[in-house]
Protein backbone atom coordinates (compact mmCIF):
# COMPACT_ATOMS: atom_id res chain seq x y z
CA UNK A 1 0.00 0.00 0.00
CA UNK A 2 1.54 3.36 -1.03
CA UNK A 3 2.55 5.74 1.70
CA UNK A 4 0.60 8.93 2.31
CA UNK A 5 2.23 11.93 0.67
CA UNK A 6 4.19 14.18 3.03
CA UNK A 7 4.50 17.73 1.62
CA UNK A 8 8.05 19.08 1.54
CA UNK A 9 8.08 22.52 3.16
CA UNK A 10 10.99 24.93 2.94
CA UNK A 11 13.48 23.98 5.63
CA UNK A 12 14.63 26.31 8.37
CA UNK A 13 18.31 26.54 9.31
CA UNK A 14 17.52 24.48 12.43
CA UNK A 15 15.86 21.73 10.36
CA UNK A 16 18.76 21.66 7.91
CA UNK A 17 21.24 21.32 10.78
CA UNK A 18 19.13 18.60 12.45
CA UNK A 19 18.91 16.50 9.26
CA UNK A 20 22.65 16.60 8.62
CA UNK A 21 24.99 14.23 10.43
CA UNK A 22 27.60 16.53 11.83
CA UNK A 23 27.52 20.21 10.91
CA UNK A 24 25.57 21.08 7.77
CA UNK A 25 27.98 22.55 5.21
CA UNK A 26 27.27 26.23 4.65
CA UNK A 27 27.41 27.73 1.20
CA UNK A 28 27.15 31.48 1.89
CA UNK A 29 27.70 32.18 -1.79
CA UNK A 30 26.22 31.75 -5.24
CA UNK A 31 25.52 28.43 -6.93
CA UNK A 32 27.87 27.34 -9.71
CA UNK A 33 26.00 25.84 -12.66
CA UNK A 34 27.59 24.13 -15.65
CA UNK A 35 26.12 23.39 -19.03
CA UNK A 36 25.09 19.77 -19.48
CA UNK A 37 28.02 17.36 -19.75
CA UNK A 38 27.41 13.93 -21.35
CA UNK A 39 30.06 12.49 -19.00
CA UNK A 40 27.51 12.82 -16.17
CA UNK A 41 25.41 9.97 -17.59
CA UNK A 42 28.51 7.80 -17.98
CA UNK A 43 29.52 8.54 -14.37
CA UNK A 44 26.04 7.53 -13.21
CA UNK A 45 26.20 4.26 -15.16
CA UNK A 46 29.56 3.35 -13.62
CA UNK A 47 28.27 4.05 -10.11
CA UNK A 48 25.06 2.11 -10.74
CA UNK A 49 27.04 -0.94 -11.88
CA UNK A 50 29.22 -0.82 -8.76
CA UNK A 51 26.18 -0.52 -6.52
CA UNK A 52 24.33 -3.38 -8.19
CA UNK A 53 27.34 -5.65 -7.63
CA UNK A 54 27.40 -4.81 -3.91
CA UNK A 55 23.62 -4.80 -3.36
CA UNK A 56 22.88 -8.15 -4.98
CA UNK A 57 21.46 -9.43 -1.68
CA UNK A 58 18.75 -6.76 -1.66
CA UNK A 59 15.79 -6.06 -3.92
CA UNK A 60 16.57 -2.58 -5.24
CA UNK A 61 16.32 -0.12 -8.13
CA UNK A 62 18.77 2.63 -9.10
CA UNK A 63 17.82 5.71 -11.12
CA UNK A 64 19.66 8.80 -12.37
CA UNK A 65 17.63 11.82 -11.20
CA UNK A 66 18.11 15.56 -10.83
CA UNK A 67 19.40 18.01 -13.39
CA UNK A 68 22.46 16.00 -14.43
CA UNK A 69 20.05 13.34 -15.74
CA UNK A 70 18.44 15.72 -18.26
CA UNK A 71 20.33 16.47 -21.50
CA UNK A 72 20.32 20.18 -22.27
CA UNK A 73 19.79 21.29 -18.67
CA UNK A 74 22.44 23.23 -16.72
CA UNK A 75 23.30 21.70 -13.37
CA UNK A 76 25.56 21.75 -10.38
CA UNK A 77 28.29 19.15 -11.06
CA UNK A 78 26.75 16.74 -8.54
CA UNK A 79 25.28 13.44 -9.75
CA UNK A 80 21.93 12.79 -8.04
CA UNK A 81 21.04 9.13 -7.80
CA UNK A 82 17.95 7.47 -6.36
CA UNK A 83 18.24 4.10 -4.65
CA UNK A 84 14.90 2.43 -3.95
CA UNK A 85 15.02 -0.34 -1.34
CA UNK A 86 12.34 -2.26 0.58
CA UNK A 87 12.87 -0.14 3.73
CA UNK A 88 15.11 2.92 3.70
CA UNK A 89 14.86 3.08 7.50
CA UNK A 90 16.64 -0.28 7.70
CA UNK A 91 20.14 1.12 7.25
CA UNK A 92 21.77 -2.20 8.12
CA UNK A 93 20.34 -3.72 4.92
CA UNK A 94 22.25 -1.39 2.57
CA UNK A 95 24.71 0.84 4.45
CA UNK A 96 27.58 -1.68 4.83
CA UNK A 97 27.57 -2.38 1.07
CA UNK A 98 27.56 1.32 0.22
CA UNK A 99 30.21 2.21 2.79
CA UNK A 100 32.43 -0.42 1.18
CA UNK A 101 32.13 1.63 -2.03
CA UNK A 102 33.22 4.83 -0.27
CA UNK A 103 29.79 6.33 0.48
CA UNK A 104 29.14 8.13 3.75
CA UNK A 105 25.77 8.87 5.32
CA UNK A 106 25.26 12.64 5.27
CA UNK A 107 21.54 13.23 5.88
CA UNK A 108 18.94 11.29 7.85
CA UNK A 109 15.28 12.41 7.75
CA UNK A 110 13.15 9.81 9.58
CA UNK A 111 10.09 12.10 9.59
CA UNK A 112 10.16 12.55 5.79
CA UNK A 113 9.75 9.07 4.27
CA UNK A 114 12.82 7.80 6.18
CA UNK A 115 14.86 9.65 3.54
CA UNK A 116 18.62 9.17 3.62
CA UNK A 117 21.35 10.87 1.57
CA UNK A 118 24.79 9.35 1.18
CA UNK A 119 27.72 11.10 -0.52
CA UNK A 120 30.84 10.05 -2.34
CA UNK A 121 33.46 12.38 -3.80
CA UNK A 122 35.97 12.31 -6.66
CA UNK A 123 33.89 10.06 -8.89
CA UNK A 124 34.72 11.66 -12.23
CA UNK A 125 36.58 14.71 -13.60
CA UNK A 126 33.19 16.12 -14.71
CA UNK A 127 31.50 15.86 -11.30
CA UNK A 128 32.36 16.92 -7.77
CA UNK A 129 30.34 14.22 -6.02
CA UNK A 130 27.34 11.90 -5.89
CA UNK A 131 24.26 12.57 -3.77
CA UNK A 132 22.63 9.17 -3.30
CA UNK A 133 19.01 9.50 -2.15
CA UNK A 134 17.63 6.35 -0.49
CA UNK A 135 13.86 5.85 -0.27
CA UNK A 136 11.53 2.90 0.26
CA UNK A 137 9.53 1.02 -2.35
CA UNK A 138 6.09 2.61 -2.67
CA UNK A 139 7.23 6.02 -1.41
CA UNK A 140 5.35 8.80 -3.28
CA UNK A 141 8.58 10.79 -3.61
CA UNK A 142 10.00 8.13 -5.95
CA UNK A 143 7.24 8.70 -8.49
CA UNK A 144 7.48 12.46 -8.04
CA UNK A 145 11.23 12.54 -8.75
CA UNK A 146 10.96 10.29 -11.79
CA UNK A 147 7.91 12.12 -13.17
CA UNK A 148 9.79 15.42 -12.90
CA UNK A 149 12.88 14.02 -14.62
CA UNK A 150 10.88 12.44 -17.44
CA UNK A 151 8.84 15.61 -18.01
CA UNK A 152 12.02 17.67 -18.37
CA UNK A 153 13.54 15.13 -20.77
CA UNK A 154 10.47 15.21 -23.03
CA UNK A 155 9.11 18.75 -22.78
CA UNK A 156 11.37 21.54 -24.07
CA UNK A 157 9.15 24.34 -22.71
CA UNK A 158 9.31 23.11 -19.13
CA UNK A 159 13.00 22.28 -19.51
CA UNK A 160 13.70 25.87 -20.61
CA UNK A 161 11.53 27.28 -17.80
CA UNK A 162 13.43 25.25 -15.23
CA UNK A 163 16.80 26.19 -16.73
CA UNK A 164 15.88 29.89 -16.62
CA UNK A 165 14.73 29.54 -13.01
CA UNK A 166 17.96 27.83 -12.01
CA UNK A 167 20.11 30.47 -13.72
CA UNK A 168 18.20 33.33 -12.08
CA UNK A 169 18.46 31.78 -8.61
CA UNK A 170 22.14 30.94 -9.13
CA UNK A 171 22.86 34.67 -9.31
CA UNK A 172 21.75 35.05 -5.68
CA UNK A 173 23.73 34.14 -2.58
CA UNK A 174 22.45 31.27 -0.39
CA UNK A 175 23.33 30.26 3.16
CA UNK A 176 22.74 26.56 2.50
CA UNK A 177 22.39 24.56 -0.72
CA UNK A 178 18.97 23.49 0.59
CA UNK A 179 17.78 27.12 0.50
CA UNK A 180 18.48 27.20 -3.25
CA UNK A 181 16.63 23.90 -3.70
CA UNK A 182 13.65 25.18 -1.71
CA UNK A 183 13.48 28.36 -3.82
CA UNK A 184 12.79 26.22 -6.90
CA UNK A 185 9.92 24.31 -5.29
CA UNK A 186 7.03 26.33 -6.74
CA UNK A 187 8.33 25.95 -10.30
CA UNK A 188 9.03 22.24 -9.72
CA UNK A 189 5.48 21.72 -8.40
CA UNK A 190 4.00 23.39 -11.47
CA UNK A 191 6.03 21.19 -13.82
CA UNK A 192 4.94 18.05 -11.98
CA UNK A 193 1.28 19.15 -12.09
CA UNK A 194 1.49 19.62 -15.85
CA UNK A 195 3.11 16.21 -16.20
CA UNK A 196 0.27 14.61 -14.26
CA UNK A 197 -2.34 16.48 -16.28
CA UNK A 198 -0.75 15.15 -19.47
CA UNK A 199 -0.77 11.61 -18.09
CA UNK A 200 2.97 11.54 -17.38
C-alpha atoms as a PDB file:
ATOM      1  CA  UNK A   1       0.000   0.000   0.000  1.00  0.00           C
ATOM      2  CA  UNK A   2       1.540   3.364  -1.027  1.00  0.00           C
ATOM      3  CA  UNK A   3       2.547   5.740   1.702  1.00  0.00           C
ATOM      4  CA  UNK A   4       0.603   8.928   2.314  1.00  0.00           C
ATOM      5  CA  UNK A   5       2.225  11.932   0.673  1.00  0.00           C
ATOM      6  CA  UNK A   6       4.187  14.177   3.030  1.00  0.00           C
ATOM      7  CA  UNK A   7       4.503  17.728   1.621  1.00  0.00           C
ATOM      8  CA  UNK A   8       8.046  19.081   1.544  1.00  0.00           C
ATOM      9  CA  UNK A   9       8.085  22.521   3.164  1.00  0.00           C
ATOM     10  CA  UNK A  10      10.994  24.933   2.935  1.00  0.00           C
ATOM     11  CA  UNK A  11      13.475  23.983   5.629  1.00  0.00           C
ATOM     12  CA  UNK A  12      14.631  26.307   8.369  1.00  0.00           C
ATOM     13  CA  UNK A  13      18.309  26.536   9.311  1.00  0.00           C
ATOM     14  CA  UNK A  14      17.523  24.485  12.433  1.00  0.00           C
ATOM     15  CA  UNK A  15      15.859  21.733  10.364  1.00  0.00           C
ATOM     16  CA  UNK A  16      18.764  21.656   7.912  1.00  0.00           C
ATOM     17  CA  UNK A  17      21.238  21.316  10.776  1.00  0.00           C
ATOM     18  CA  UNK A  18      19.128  18.602  12.447  1.00  0.00           C
ATOM     19  CA  UNK A  19      18.909  16.505   9.261  1.00  0.00           C
ATOM     20  CA  UNK A  20      22.651  16.596   8.620  1.00  0.00           C
ATOM     21  CA  UNK A  21      24.990  14.233  10.426  1.00  0.00           C
ATOM     22  CA  UNK A  22      27.605  16.530  11.834  1.00  0.00           C
ATOM     23  CA  UNK A  23      27.523  20.207  10.906  1.00  0.00           C
ATOM     24  CA  UNK A  24      25.569  21.081   7.772  1.00  0.00           C
ATOM     25  CA  UNK A  25      27.985  22.550   5.212  1.00  0.00           C
ATOM     26  CA  UNK A  26      27.269  26.226   4.653  1.00  0.00           C
ATOM     27  CA  UNK A  27      27.408  27.728   1.199  1.00  0.00           C
ATOM     28  CA  UNK A  28      27.155  31.481   1.887  1.00  0.00           C
ATOM     29  CA  UNK A  29      27.698  32.184  -1.785  1.00  0.00           C
ATOM     30  CA  UNK A  30      26.224  31.747  -5.242  1.00  0.00           C
ATOM     31  CA  UNK A  31      25.518  28.428  -6.931  1.00  0.00           C
ATOM     32  CA  UNK A  32      27.875  27.336  -9.712  1.00  0.00           C
ATOM     33  CA  UNK A  33      26.004  25.842 -12.658  1.00  0.00           C
ATOM     34  CA  UNK A  34      27.590  24.133 -15.652  1.00  0.00           C
ATOM     35  CA  UNK A  35      26.120  23.392 -19.030  1.00  0.00           C
ATOM     36  CA  UNK A  36      25.089  19.768 -19.476  1.00  0.00           C
ATOM     37  CA  UNK A  37      28.015  17.358 -19.752  1.00  0.00           C
ATOM     38  CA  UNK A  38      27.412  13.929 -21.347  1.00  0.00           C
ATOM     39  CA  UNK A  39      30.057  12.489 -19.004  1.00  0.00           C
ATOM     40  CA  UNK A  40      27.507  12.815 -16.175  1.00  0.00           C
ATOM     41  CA  UNK A  41      25.411   9.971 -17.588  1.00  0.00           C
ATOM     42  CA  UNK A  42      28.511   7.799 -17.979  1.00  0.00           C
ATOM     43  CA  UNK A  43      29.520   8.541 -14.369  1.00  0.00           C
ATOM     44  CA  UNK A  44      26.041   7.527 -13.213  1.00  0.00           C
ATOM     45  CA  UNK A  45      26.205   4.256 -15.162  1.00  0.00           C
ATOM     46  CA  UNK A  46      29.561   3.353 -13.617  1.00  0.00           C
ATOM     47  CA  UNK A  47      28.275   4.054 -10.110  1.00  0.00           C
ATOM     48  CA  UNK A  48      25.064   2.114 -10.740  1.00  0.00           C
ATOM     49  CA  UNK A  49      27.035  -0.944 -11.884  1.00  0.00           C
ATOM     50  CA  UNK A  50      29.222  -0.819  -8.765  1.00  0.00           C
ATOM     51  CA  UNK A  51      26.177  -0.521  -6.516  1.00  0.00           C
ATOM     52  CA  UNK A  52      24.332  -3.382  -8.190  1.00  0.00           C
ATOM     53  CA  UNK A  53      27.336  -5.647  -7.627  1.00  0.00           C
ATOM     54  CA  UNK A  54      27.397  -4.815  -3.908  1.00  0.00           C
ATOM     55  CA  UNK A  55      23.622  -4.800  -3.356  1.00  0.00           C
ATOM     56  CA  UNK A  56      22.883  -8.148  -4.979  1.00  0.00           C
ATOM     57  CA  UNK A  57      21.465  -9.433  -1.683  1.00  0.00           C
ATOM     58  CA  UNK A  58      18.755  -6.763  -1.662  1.00  0.00           C
ATOM     59  CA  UNK A  59      15.789  -6.058  -3.924  1.00  0.00           C
ATOM     60  CA  UNK A  60      16.568  -2.578  -5.241  1.00  0.00           C
ATOM     61  CA  UNK A  61      16.315  -0.117  -8.126  1.00  0.00           C
ATOM     62  CA  UNK A  62      18.773   2.625  -9.102  1.00  0.00           C
ATOM     63  CA  UNK A  63      17.819   5.714 -11.119  1.00  0.00           C
ATOM     64  CA  UNK A  64      19.658   8.803 -12.365  1.00  0.00           C
ATOM     65  CA  UNK A  65      17.631  11.819 -11.195  1.00  0.00           C
ATOM     66  CA  UNK A  66      18.107  15.557 -10.828  1.00  0.00           C
ATOM     67  CA  UNK A  67      19.397  18.009 -13.387  1.00  0.00           C
ATOM     68  CA  UNK A  68      22.464  16.001 -14.430  1.00  0.00           C
ATOM     69  CA  UNK A  69      20.052  13.336 -15.736  1.00  0.00           C
ATOM     70  CA  UNK A  70      18.440  15.723 -18.258  1.00  0.00           C
ATOM     71  CA  UNK A  71      20.331  16.465 -21.498  1.00  0.00           C
ATOM     72  CA  UNK A  72      20.319  20.182 -22.268  1.00  0.00           C
ATOM     73  CA  UNK A  73      19.793  21.287 -18.670  1.00  0.00           C
ATOM     74  CA  UNK A  74      22.435  23.234 -16.721  1.00  0.00           C
ATOM     75  CA  UNK A  75      23.303  21.703 -13.366  1.00  0.00           C
ATOM     76  CA  UNK A  76      25.560  21.750 -10.380  1.00  0.00           C
ATOM     77  CA  UNK A  77      28.289  19.150 -11.057  1.00  0.00           C
ATOM     78  CA  UNK A  78      26.751  16.742  -8.544  1.00  0.00           C
ATOM     79  CA  UNK A  79      25.275  13.444  -9.750  1.00  0.00           C
ATOM     80  CA  UNK A  80      21.929  12.794  -8.045  1.00  0.00           C
ATOM     81  CA  UNK A  81      21.038   9.129  -7.801  1.00  0.00           C
ATOM     82  CA  UNK A  82      17.946   7.473  -6.362  1.00  0.00           C
ATOM     83  CA  UNK A  83      18.244   4.097  -4.651  1.00  0.00           C
ATOM     84  CA  UNK A  84      14.902   2.431  -3.946  1.00  0.00           C
ATOM     85  CA  UNK A  85      15.022  -0.338  -1.343  1.00  0.00           C
ATOM     86  CA  UNK A  86      12.340  -2.256   0.582  1.00  0.00           C
ATOM     87  CA  UNK A  87      12.867  -0.138   3.727  1.00  0.00           C
ATOM     88  CA  UNK A  88      15.114   2.921   3.702  1.00  0.00           C
ATOM     89  CA  UNK A  89      14.859   3.077   7.501  1.00  0.00           C
ATOM     90  CA  UNK A  90      16.643  -0.284   7.704  1.00  0.00           C
ATOM     91  CA  UNK A  91      20.141   1.121   7.251  1.00  0.00           C
ATOM     92  CA  UNK A  92      21.772  -2.204   8.121  1.00  0.00           C
ATOM     93  CA  UNK A  93      20.341  -3.724   4.920  1.00  0.00           C
ATOM     94  CA  UNK A  94      22.253  -1.391   2.574  1.00  0.00           C
ATOM     95  CA  UNK A  95      24.710   0.837   4.445  1.00  0.00           C
ATOM     96  CA  UNK A  96      27.584  -1.679   4.828  1.00  0.00           C
ATOM     97  CA  UNK A  97      27.568  -2.380   1.075  1.00  0.00           C
ATOM     98  CA  UNK A  98      27.557   1.325   0.217  1.00  0.00           C
ATOM     99  CA  UNK A  99      30.209   2.206   2.792  1.00  0.00           C
ATOM    100  CA  UNK A 100      32.432  -0.424   1.179  1.00  0.00           C
ATOM    101  CA  UNK A 101      32.130   1.631  -2.028  1.00  0.00           C
ATOM    102  CA  UNK A 102      33.223   4.829  -0.267  1.00  0.00           C
ATOM    103  CA  UNK A 103      29.790   6.327   0.476  1.00  0.00           C
ATOM    104  CA  UNK A 104      29.144   8.135   3.748  1.00  0.00           C
ATOM    105  CA  UNK A 105      25.773   8.870   5.322  1.00  0.00           C
ATOM    106  CA  UNK A 106      25.264  12.639   5.267  1.00  0.00           C
ATOM    107  CA  UNK A 107      21.544  13.227   5.882  1.00  0.00           C
ATOM    108  CA  UNK A 108      18.945  11.287   7.846  1.00  0.00           C
ATOM    109  CA  UNK A 109      15.279  12.414   7.754  1.00  0.00           C
ATOM    110  CA  UNK A 110      13.146   9.813   9.579  1.00  0.00           C
ATOM    111  CA  UNK A 111      10.094  12.098   9.591  1.00  0.00           C
ATOM    112  CA  UNK A 112      10.157  12.546   5.794  1.00  0.00           C
ATOM    113  CA  UNK A 113       9.748   9.074   4.273  1.00  0.00           C
ATOM    114  CA  UNK A 114      12.824   7.797   6.179  1.00  0.00           C
ATOM    115  CA  UNK A 115      14.859   9.647   3.545  1.00  0.00           C
ATOM    116  CA  UNK A 116      18.618   9.171   3.615  1.00  0.00           C
ATOM    117  CA  UNK A 117      21.353  10.867   1.575  1.00  0.00           C
ATOM    118  CA  UNK A 118      24.795   9.353   1.181  1.00  0.00           C
ATOM    119  CA  UNK A 119      27.721  11.098  -0.516  1.00  0.00           C
ATOM    120  CA  UNK A 120      30.842  10.051  -2.344  1.00  0.00           C
ATOM    121  CA  UNK A 121      33.460  12.383  -3.801  1.00  0.00           C
ATOM    122  CA  UNK A 122      35.967  12.315  -6.659  1.00  0.00           C
ATOM    123  CA  UNK A 123      33.886  10.058  -8.887  1.00  0.00           C
ATOM    124  CA  UNK A 124      34.717  11.658 -12.235  1.00  0.00           C
ATOM    125  CA  UNK A 125      36.579  14.712 -13.603  1.00  0.00           C
ATOM    126  CA  UNK A 126      33.195  16.119 -14.708  1.00  0.00           C
ATOM    127  CA  UNK A 127      31.500  15.858 -11.303  1.00  0.00           C
ATOM    128  CA  UNK A 128      32.358  16.920  -7.772  1.00  0.00           C
ATOM    129  CA  UNK A 129      30.344  14.223  -6.016  1.00  0.00           C
ATOM    130  CA  UNK A 130      27.343  11.901  -5.893  1.00  0.00           C
ATOM    131  CA  UNK A 131      24.258  12.572  -3.773  1.00  0.00           C
ATOM    132  CA  UNK A 132      22.630   9.174  -3.297  1.00  0.00           C
ATOM    133  CA  UNK A 133      19.009   9.502  -2.148  1.00  0.00           C
ATOM    134  CA  UNK A 134      17.631   6.353  -0.494  1.00  0.00           C
ATOM    135  CA  UNK A 135      13.858   5.854  -0.268  1.00  0.00           C
ATOM    136  CA  UNK A 136      11.533   2.900   0.255  1.00  0.00           C
ATOM    137  CA  UNK A 137       9.531   1.024  -2.352  1.00  0.00           C
ATOM    138  CA  UNK A 138       6.088   2.610  -2.669  1.00  0.00           C
ATOM    139  CA  UNK A 139       7.232   6.021  -1.406  1.00  0.00           C
ATOM    140  CA  UNK A 140       5.350   8.799  -3.283  1.00  0.00           C
ATOM    141  CA  UNK A 141       8.577  10.794  -3.609  1.00  0.00           C
ATOM    142  CA  UNK A 142      10.005   8.135  -5.946  1.00  0.00           C
ATOM    143  CA  UNK A 143       7.240   8.697  -8.486  1.00  0.00           C
ATOM    144  CA  UNK A 144       7.484  12.464  -8.041  1.00  0.00           C
ATOM    145  CA  UNK A 145      11.233  12.540  -8.750  1.00  0.00           C
ATOM    146  CA  UNK A 146      10.958  10.291 -11.791  1.00  0.00           C
ATOM    147  CA  UNK A 147       7.910  12.119 -13.169  1.00  0.00           C
ATOM    148  CA  UNK A 148       9.790  15.423 -12.901  1.00  0.00           C
ATOM    149  CA  UNK A 149      12.879  14.016 -14.621  1.00  0.00           C
ATOM    150  CA  UNK A 150      10.881  12.437 -17.437  1.00  0.00           C
ATOM    151  CA  UNK A 151       8.842  15.609 -18.010  1.00  0.00           C
ATOM    152  CA  UNK A 152      12.022  17.673 -18.366  1.00  0.00           C
ATOM    153  CA  UNK A 153      13.537  15.133 -20.767  1.00  0.00           C
ATOM    154  CA  UNK A 154      10.474  15.206 -23.032  1.00  0.00           C
ATOM    155  CA  UNK A 155       9.108  18.750 -22.776  1.00  0.00           C
ATOM    156  CA  UNK A 156      11.365  21.537 -24.069  1.00  0.00           C
ATOM    157  CA  UNK A 157       9.147  24.336 -22.713  1.00  0.00           C
ATOM    158  CA  UNK A 158       9.314  23.107 -19.128  1.00  0.00           C
ATOM    159  CA  UNK A 159      13.001  22.285 -19.513  1.00  0.00           C
ATOM    160  CA  UNK A 160      13.703  25.874 -20.610  1.00  0.00           C
ATOM    161  CA  UNK A 161      11.528  27.275 -17.803  1.00  0.00           C
ATOM    162  CA  UNK A 162      13.427  25.245 -15.230  1.00  0.00           C
ATOM    163  CA  UNK A 163      16.805  26.186 -16.732  1.00  0.00           C
ATOM    164  CA  UNK A 164      15.883  29.895 -16.624  1.00  0.00           C
ATOM    165  CA  UNK A 165      14.731  29.537 -13.005  1.00  0.00           C
ATOM    166  CA  UNK A 166      17.962  27.831 -12.006  1.00  0.00           C
ATOM    167  CA  UNK A 167      20.111  30.466 -13.720  1.00  0.00           C
ATOM    168  CA  UNK A 168      18.204  33.331 -12.075  1.00  0.00           C
ATOM    169  CA  UNK A 169      18.461  31.780  -8.615  1.00  0.00           C
ATOM    170  CA  UNK A 170      22.143  30.939  -9.128  1.00  0.00           C
ATOM    171  CA  UNK A 171      22.865  34.671  -9.313  1.00  0.00           C
ATOM    172  CA  UNK A 172      21.753  35.046  -5.684  1.00  0.00           C
ATOM    173  CA  UNK A 173      23.732  34.135  -2.580  1.00  0.00           C
ATOM    174  CA  UNK A 174      22.455  31.266  -0.391  1.00  0.00           C
ATOM    175  CA  UNK A 175      23.328  30.265   3.164  1.00  0.00           C
ATOM    176  CA  UNK A 176      22.742  26.558   2.497  1.00  0.00           C
ATOM    177  CA  UNK A 177      22.387  24.564  -0.721  1.00  0.00           C
ATOM    178  CA  UNK A 178      18.972  23.487   0.587  1.00  0.00           C
ATOM    179  CA  UNK A 179      17.784  27.116   0.503  1.00  0.00           C
ATOM    180  CA  UNK A 180      18.484  27.196  -3.248  1.00  0.00           C
ATOM    181  CA  UNK A 181      16.628  23.902  -3.701  1.00  0.00           C
ATOM    182  CA  UNK A 182      13.645  25.185  -1.708  1.00  0.00           C
ATOM    183  CA  UNK A 183      13.483  28.358  -3.816  1.00  0.00           C
ATOM    184  CA  UNK A 184      12.789  26.220  -6.900  1.00  0.00           C
ATOM    185  CA  UNK A 185       9.924  24.312  -5.290  1.00  0.00           C
ATOM    186  CA  UNK A 186       7.034  26.327  -6.740  1.00  0.00           C
ATOM    187  CA  UNK A 187       8.331  25.949 -10.301  1.00  0.00           C
ATOM    188  CA  UNK A 188       9.027  22.245  -9.718  1.00  0.00           C
ATOM    189  CA  UNK A 189       5.484  21.721  -8.396  1.00  0.00           C
ATOM    190  CA  UNK A 190       4.002  23.392 -11.475  1.00  0.00           C
ATOM    191  CA  UNK A 191       6.028  21.193 -13.821  1.00  0.00           C
ATOM    192  CA  UNK A 192       4.938  18.051 -11.978  1.00  0.00           C
ATOM    193  CA  UNK A 193       1.279  19.152 -12.091  1.00  0.00           C
ATOM    194  CA  UNK A 194       1.486  19.622 -15.853  1.00  0.00           C
ATOM    195  CA  UNK A 195       3.114  16.211 -16.204  1.00  0.00           C
ATOM    196  CA  UNK A 196       0.272  14.612 -14.260  1.00  0.00           C
ATOM    197  CA  UNK A 197      -2.339  16.480 -16.284  1.00  0.00           C
ATOM    198  CA  UNK A 198      -0.746  15.146 -19.472  1.00  0.00           C
ATOM    199  CA  UNK A 199      -0.774  11.607 -18.094  1.00  0.00           C
ATOM    200  CA  UNK A 200       2.967  11.536 -17.384  1.00  0.00           C
END
